Amino acid sequence: MTKPIRTKGKVSLRKMLQTFKEGEKVVLKAEPGIQKGLYFRRFHGTTGVIIKKLNTCYEVAIKDQNKAKTVIVHPVHLVKTN
C-alpha cells in the first residue's frame, strides 16, 4: 500500500470531512496515509451500502462471497459511486 511520491503524506480536508447518507452506495478504497478506521485488506475495492454513522466512522454493509458482513470504516477510505 504505497502512494505516488508527490502525494505522499497529503490528505485533503475535503476527503477527511466528507459525509454520507444512509442507503448511499460507496466503494472501499484504502488511503495508505491514514491507518485509523481501516478495514481488512480482503475487502479492498468492494461496493457496500451505508447503514449508519458511528461517531466519525460509518457502518457499511458489504457482501463477502455469499455472506453479508458489516464493516466500520473511516470516511477517508470511502468513495461515492454514481
Protein backbone atom coordinates (compact mmCIF):
# COMPACT_ATOMS: atom_id res chain seq x y z
CA MET A 1 0.00 0.00 0.00
CA THR A 2 2.03 2.89 -1.30
CA LYS A 3 1.26 6.28 -2.75
CA PRO A 4 2.96 8.16 -5.56
CA ILE A 5 5.93 10.16 -4.28
CA ARG A 6 4.32 13.57 -4.91
CA THR A 7 1.14 12.76 -2.96
CA LYS A 8 2.86 11.02 -0.06
CA GLY A 9 1.57 12.16 3.34
CA LYS A 10 -1.02 14.51 1.87
CA VAL A 11 -4.70 14.01 2.60
CA SER A 12 -7.21 16.71 1.74
CA LEU A 13 -9.61 18.02 4.37
CA ARG A 14 -12.45 17.54 1.90
CA LYS A 15 -11.81 13.80 1.92
CA MET A 16 -11.47 13.71 5.72
CA LEU A 17 -14.74 15.54 6.35
CA GLN A 18 -16.94 14.06 3.61
CA THR A 19 -20.40 12.92 4.71
CA PHE A 20 -22.68 10.15 3.52
CA LYS A 21 -26.38 9.44 3.92
CA GLU A 22 -27.94 6.14 4.93
CA GLY A 23 -28.56 3.87 1.94
CA GLU A 24 -25.86 5.51 -0.18
CA LYS A 25 -23.54 3.22 -2.18
CA VAL A 26 -19.80 3.51 -1.56
CA VAL A 27 -16.60 1.77 -2.63
CA LEU A 28 -13.97 0.76 -0.07
CA LYS A 29 -10.71 2.29 -1.23
CA ALA A 30 -7.87 2.46 1.30
CA GLU A 31 -5.95 5.68 1.95
CA PRO A 32 -2.46 4.46 2.95
CA GLY A 33 -1.53 7.74 4.69
CA ILE A 34 -4.11 7.14 7.45
CA GLN A 35 -4.50 3.84 9.29
CA LYS A 36 -7.38 4.90 11.55
CA GLY A 37 -10.64 3.18 10.67
CA LEU A 38 -9.05 0.95 8.03
CA TYR A 39 -10.89 -2.23 7.06
CA PHE A 40 -9.38 -5.69 6.44
CA ARG A 41 -7.42 -5.81 3.16
CA ARG A 42 -9.62 -8.54 1.63
CA PHE A 43 -12.47 -6.04 1.32
CA HIS A 44 -10.47 -3.54 -0.78
CA GLY A 45 -12.43 -2.44 -3.84
CA THR A 46 -15.77 -3.90 -2.75
CA THR A 47 -19.01 -1.95 -3.00
CA GLY A 48 -21.24 -1.54 0.02
CA VAL A 49 -24.18 0.39 1.42
CA ILE A 50 -24.03 2.85 4.33
CA ILE A 51 -26.09 1.54 7.25
CA LYS A 52 -25.50 4.23 9.87
CA LYS A 53 -22.99 6.71 11.27
CA LEU A 54 -20.92 5.87 14.36
CA ASN A 55 -19.19 8.99 15.72
CA THR A 56 -16.71 9.87 12.94
CA CYS A 57 -16.89 6.49 11.17
CA TYR A 58 -19.59 4.72 9.14
CA GLU A 59 -21.01 1.23 9.32
CA VAL A 60 -21.02 -0.28 5.83
CA ALA A 61 -22.82 -3.47 4.73
CA ILE A 62 -20.81 -5.48 2.20
CA LYS A 63 -21.09 -8.90 0.65
CA ASP A 64 -18.12 -11.26 1.10
CA GLN A 65 -18.60 -14.28 -1.18
CA ASN A 66 -22.16 -15.25 -0.17
CA LYS A 67 -22.16 -13.78 3.35
CA ALA A 68 -23.43 -10.35 4.31
CA LYS A 69 -20.99 -8.55 6.60
CA THR A 70 -20.74 -5.15 8.27
CA VAL A 71 -17.52 -3.16 8.40
CA ILE A 72 -16.77 0.02 10.36
CA VAL A 73 -14.81 2.40 8.13
CA HIS A 74 -13.47 5.96 8.43
CA PRO A 75 -14.75 8.26 5.64
CA VAL A 76 -11.21 8.77 4.28
CA HIS A 77 -11.36 5.20 2.98
CA LEU A 78 -14.75 5.60 1.25
CA VAL A 79 -15.56 6.82 -2.28
CA LYS A 80 -19.09 7.62 -3.51
CA THR A 81 -20.40 5.71 -6.53
CA ASN A 82 -22.64 7.17 -9.19
